[in-house]
Amino acid sequence: MSNVPSQLKYTKSHEWIRVEADGTLTIGVTDHAQEALGDVVFLELPEAGRRLSAGEACAVIESVKAASDIYAPVAGEVVESNQAAADAPETVNADAYSAWLFKLKPDSGADLSALLDADGYQAEIANA
């Protein structure tokens, strides 16, 4: 059973989202995703300042098995990428919820209500 922290939001494409006190979003890939991918060997992360549309492919995670796109959960601007994770991609396997990938300042109209809660994500992966 994958670890699905209840305080986070999720997407059907296996990103997790933490809403920070300042309104920014911290985004990474779920424990389920890293488990399915296997050993992560490379991360390509978006540059700070890049504007993203909701659902836009903005990063790549590569494992020994496959390469997968990572999608923006909502529209906004990238404010930071986690260079430490890019330099040591295996940290995603070690702890998917502390090895965040990028931070996003959501557009004012960004709809966070479309994101899944932990129960919704658990149901999603149970049916996959």
C-alpha atoms as a PDB file:
ATOM      1  CA  MET A   1       0.000   0.000   0.000  1.00  0.00           C
ATOM      2  CA  SER A   2       1.440   3.359  -1.008  1.00  0.00           C
ATOM      3  CA  ASN A   3       1.940   6.133   1.494  1.00  0.00           C
ATOM      4  CA  VAL A   4      -0.659   8.909   0.865  1.00  0.00           C
ATOM      5  CA  PRO A   5      -0.339  11.739   3.424  1.00  0.00           C
ATOM      6  CA  SER A   6      -3.763  13.178   4.235  1.00  0.00           C
ATOM      7  CA  GLN A   7      -2.656  16.844   4.364  1.00  0.00           C
ATOM      8  CA  LEU A   8      -1.631  16.904   0.690  1.00  0.00           C
ATOM      9  CA  LYS A   9      -3.618  17.294  -2.529  1.00  0.00           C
ATOM     10  CA  TYR A  10      -3.095  15.004  -5.532  1.00  0.00           C
ATOM     11  CA  THR A  11      -3.620  14.721  -9.276  1.00  0.00           C
ATOM     12  CA  LYS A  12      -4.675  11.713 -11.334  1.00  0.00           C
ATOM     13  CA  SER A  13      -1.254  11.953 -13.017  1.00  0.00           C
ATOM     14  CA  HIS A  14       0.445  11.197  -9.631  1.00  0.00           C
ATOM     15  CA  GLU A  15       1.713  14.593  -8.536  1.00  0.00           C
ATOM     16  CA  TRP A  16       1.336  15.671  -4.903  1.00  0.00           C
ATOM     17  CA  ILE A  17       0.689  19.287  -3.968  1.00  0.00           C
ATOM     18  CA  ARG A  18       1.289  20.985  -0.630  1.00  0.00           C
ATOM     19  CA  VAL A  19      -0.319  24.404  -0.168  1.00  0.00           C
ATOM     20  CA  GLU A  20       2.160  26.584   1.737  1.00  0.00           C
ATOM     21  CA  ALA A  21       1.289  29.369   4.209  1.00  0.00           C
ATOM     22  CA  ASP A  22       2.207  32.033   1.611  1.00  0.00           C
ATOM     23  CA  GLY A  23      -0.132  30.502  -0.981  1.00  0.00           C
ATOM     24  CA  THR A  24       2.579  28.915  -3.110  1.00  0.00           C
ATOM     25  CA  LEU A  25       2.339  25.251  -4.030  1.00  0.00           C
ATOM     26  CA  THR A  26       5.110  22.716  -3.500  1.00  0.00           C
ATOM     27  CA  ILE A  27       4.862  19.877  -6.029  1.00  0.00           C
ATOM     28  CA  GLY A  28       6.428  16.447  -6.270  1.00  0.00           C
ATOM     29  CA  VAL A  29       5.613  12.925  -7.412  1.00  0.00           C
ATOM     30  CA  THR A  30       3.740  10.511  -5.194  1.00  0.00           C
ATOM     31  CA  ASP A  31       5.100   7.459  -3.443  1.00  0.00           C
ATOM     32  CA  HIS A  32       2.904   5.371  -5.766  1.00  0.00           C
ATOM     33  CA  ALA A  33       4.552   7.000  -8.819  1.00  0.00           C
ATOM     34  CA  GLN A  34       8.128   6.464  -7.622  1.00  0.00           C
ATOM     35  CA  GLU A  35       7.257   2.855  -6.746  1.00  0.00           C
ATOM     36  CA  ALA A  36       5.862   2.256 -10.245  1.00  0.00           C
ATOM     37  CA  LEU A  37       8.851   3.941 -11.912  1.00  0.00           C
ATOM     38  CA  GLY A  38      11.546   2.104  -9.991  1.00  0.00           C
ATOM     39  CA  ASP A  39      15.006   3.610  -9.533  1.00  0.00           C
ATOM     40  CA  VAL A  40      14.881   7.292 -10.514  1.00  0.00           C
ATOM     41  CA  VAL A  41      18.066   8.259 -12.371  1.00  0.00           C
ATOM     42  CA  PHE A  42      17.329  11.716 -13.839  1.00  0.00           C
ATOM     43  CA  LEU A  43      15.101  14.739 -13.255  1.00  0.00           C
ATOM     44  CA  GLU A  44      14.567  17.632 -15.639  1.00  0.00           C
ATOM     45  CA  LEU A  45      12.853  20.435 -13.743  1.00  0.00           C
ATOM     46  CA  PRO A  46      11.244  23.691 -14.929  1.00  0.00           C
ATOM     47  CA  GLU A  47      13.171  26.955 -14.623  1.00  0.00           C
ATOM     48  CA  ALA A  48      12.087  29.646 -12.164  1.00  0.00           C
ATOM     49  CA  GLY A  49      10.029  32.271 -13.977  1.00  0.00           C
ATOM     50  CA  ARG A  50       8.433  29.813 -16.392  1.00  0.00           C
ATOM     51  CA  ARG A  51       4.669  30.265 -16.760  1.00  0.00           C
ATOM     52  CA  LEU A  52       2.653  27.063 -16.829  1.00  0.00           C
ATOM     53  CA  SER A  53      -0.875  26.189 -17.861  1.00  0.00           C
ATOM     54  CA  ALA A  54      -2.892  23.724 -15.818  1.00  0.00           C
ATOM     55  CA  GLY A  55      -2.070  20.232 -17.048  1.00  0.00           C
ATOM     56  CA  GLU A  56       1.010  21.342 -19.006  1.00  0.00           C
ATOM     57  CA  ALA A  57       3.944  18.910 -19.077  1.00  0.00           C
ATOM     58  CA  CYS A  58       6.686  20.873 -17.320  1.00  0.00           C
ATOM     59  CA  ALA A  59       9.224  18.369 -15.997  1.00  0.00           C
ATOM     60  CA  VAL A  60      10.546  14.896 -16.764  1.00  0.00           C
ATOM     61  CA  ILE A  61      11.364  12.071 -14.381  1.00  0.00           C
ATOM     62  CA  GLU A  62      13.415   9.186 -15.743  1.00  0.00           C
ATOM     63  CA  SER A  63      13.948   5.810 -14.153  1.00  0.00           C
ATOM     64  CA  VAL A  64      15.758   2.693 -15.271  1.00  0.00           C
ATOM     65  CA  LYS A  65      12.369   1.573 -16.689  1.00  0.00           C
ATOM     66  CA  ALA A  66      10.826   4.646 -18.310  1.00  0.00           C
ATOM     67  CA  ALA A  67      10.661   8.414 -18.692  1.00  0.00           C
ATOM     68  CA  SER A  68       7.477  10.162 -17.577  1.00  0.00           C
ATOM     69  CA  ASP A  69       6.230  13.713 -17.828  1.00  0.00           C
ATOM     70  CA  ILE A  70       5.287  15.656 -14.733  1.00  0.00           C
ATOM     71  CA  TYR A  71       2.357  18.027 -15.131  1.00  0.00           C
ATOM     72  CA  ALA A  72       1.469  21.386 -13.595  1.00  0.00           C
ATOM     73  CA  PRO A  73      -1.557  20.821 -11.336  1.00  0.00           C
ATOM     74  CA  VAL A  74      -2.800  24.403 -11.871  1.00  0.00           C
ATOM     75  CA  ALA A  75      -1.773  27.445 -13.899  1.00  0.00           C
ATOM     76  CA  GLY A  76       0.931  29.631 -12.414  1.00  0.00           C
ATOM     77  CA  GLU A  77       4.566  30.661 -12.366  1.00  0.00           C
ATOM     78  CA  VAL A  78       7.463  28.472 -11.270  1.00  0.00           C
ATOM     79  CA  VAL A  79       9.194  30.227  -8.354  1.00  0.00           C
ATOM     80  CA  GLU A  80      11.818  27.585  -7.531  1.00  0.00           C
ATOM     81  CA  SER A  81      13.081  24.178  -8.609  1.00  0.00           C
ATOM     82  CA  ASN A  82      14.710  21.692  -6.257  1.00  0.00           C
ATOM     83  CA  GLN A  83      18.279  21.525  -7.540  1.00  0.00           C
ATOM     84  CA  ALA A  84      19.216  19.129  -4.719  1.00  0.00           C
ATOM     85  CA  ALA A  85      16.700  16.584  -6.053  1.00  0.00           C
ATOM     86  CA  ALA A  86      17.951  17.080  -9.624  1.00  0.00           C
ATOM     87  CA  ASP A  87      21.531  16.495  -8.417  1.00  0.00           C
ATOM     88  CA  ALA A  88      20.508  13.365  -6.456  1.00  0.00           C
ATOM     89  CA  PRO A  89      17.372  11.959  -8.166  1.00  0.00           C
ATOM     90  CA  GLU A  90      17.464   8.829  -5.993  1.00  0.00           C
ATOM     91  CA  THR A  91      16.107  11.010  -3.155  1.00  0.00           C
ATOM     92  CA  VAL A  92      12.696  10.717  -4.851  1.00  0.00           C
ATOM     93  CA  ASN A  93      12.832   6.956  -4.225  1.00  0.00           C
ATOM     94  CA  ALA A  94      14.072   7.424  -0.663  1.00  0.00           C
ATOM     95  CA  ASP A  95      11.226   9.793   0.328  1.00  0.00           C
ATOM     96  CA  ALA A  96       8.891  11.006  -2.411  1.00  0.00           C
ATOM     97  CA  TYR A  97       7.235  13.517  -0.064  1.00  0.00           C
ATOM     98  CA  SER A  98      10.377  15.326   1.072  1.00  0.00           C
ATOM     99  CA  ALA A  99      12.054  15.310  -2.369  1.00  0.00           C
ATOM    100  CA  TRP A 100       9.834  18.044  -3.833  1.00  0.00           C
ATOM    101  CA  LEU A 101      10.460  19.002  -7.459  1.00  0.00           C
ATOM    102  CA  PHE A 102       9.277  22.573  -7.936  1.00  0.00           C
ATOM    103  CA  LYS A 103       7.277  25.376  -6.356  1.00  0.00           C
ATOM    104  CA  LEU A 104       4.530  27.217  -8.155  1.00  0.00           C
ATOM    105  CA  LYS A 105       2.839  30.547  -7.484  1.00  0.00           C
ATOM    106  CA  PRO A 106      -0.695  29.801  -8.706  1.00  0.00           C
ATOM    107  CA  ASP A 107      -2.565  32.286 -10.871  1.00  0.00           C
ATOM    108  CA  SER A 108      -5.263  34.160  -8.957  1.00  0.00           C
ATOM    109  CA  GLY A 109      -8.048  32.140 -10.578  1.00  0.00           C
ATOM    110  CA  ALA A 110      -6.301  28.772 -10.184  1.00  0.00           C
ATOM    111  CA  ASP A 111      -8.822  26.112  -9.211  1.00  0.00           C
ATOM    112  CA  LEU A 112      -7.433  23.976  -6.394  1.00  0.00           C
ATOM    113  CA  SER A 113     -10.832  22.370  -5.825  1.00  0.00           C
ATOM    114  CA  ALA A 114     -10.252  20.172  -8.887  1.00  0.00           C
ATOM    115  CA  LEU A 115      -7.372  18.429  -7.083  1.00  0.00           C
ATOM    116  CA  LEU A 116      -7.932  15.124  -5.313  1.00  0.00           C
ATOM    117  CA  ASP A 117      -7.769  14.713  -1.564  1.00  0.00           C
ATOM    118  CA  ALA A 118      -5.969  11.703  -0.062  1.00  0.00           C
ATOM    119  CA  ASP A 119      -9.112   9.525  -0.138  1.00  0.00           C
ATOM    120  CA  GLY A 120      -9.805  10.436  -3.757  1.00  0.00           C
ATOM    121  CA  TYR A 121      -6.230   9.633  -4.748  1.00  0.00           C
ATOM    122  CA  GLN A 122      -6.299   6.320  -2.846  1.00  0.00           C
ATOM    123  CA  ALA A 123      -9.461   5.394  -4.776  1.00  0.00           C
ATOM    124  CA  GLU A 124      -7.785   6.439  -8.042  1.00  0.00           C
ATOM    125  CA  ILE A 125      -4.730   4.212  -7.546  1.00  0.00           C
ATOM    126  CA  ALA A 126      -6.816   1.331  -6.183  1.00  0.00           C
ATOM    127  CA  ASN A 127      -8.785   1.287  -9.466  1.00  0.00           C
ATOM    128  CA  ALA A 128      -5.733   1.639 -11.715  1.00  0.00           C
END
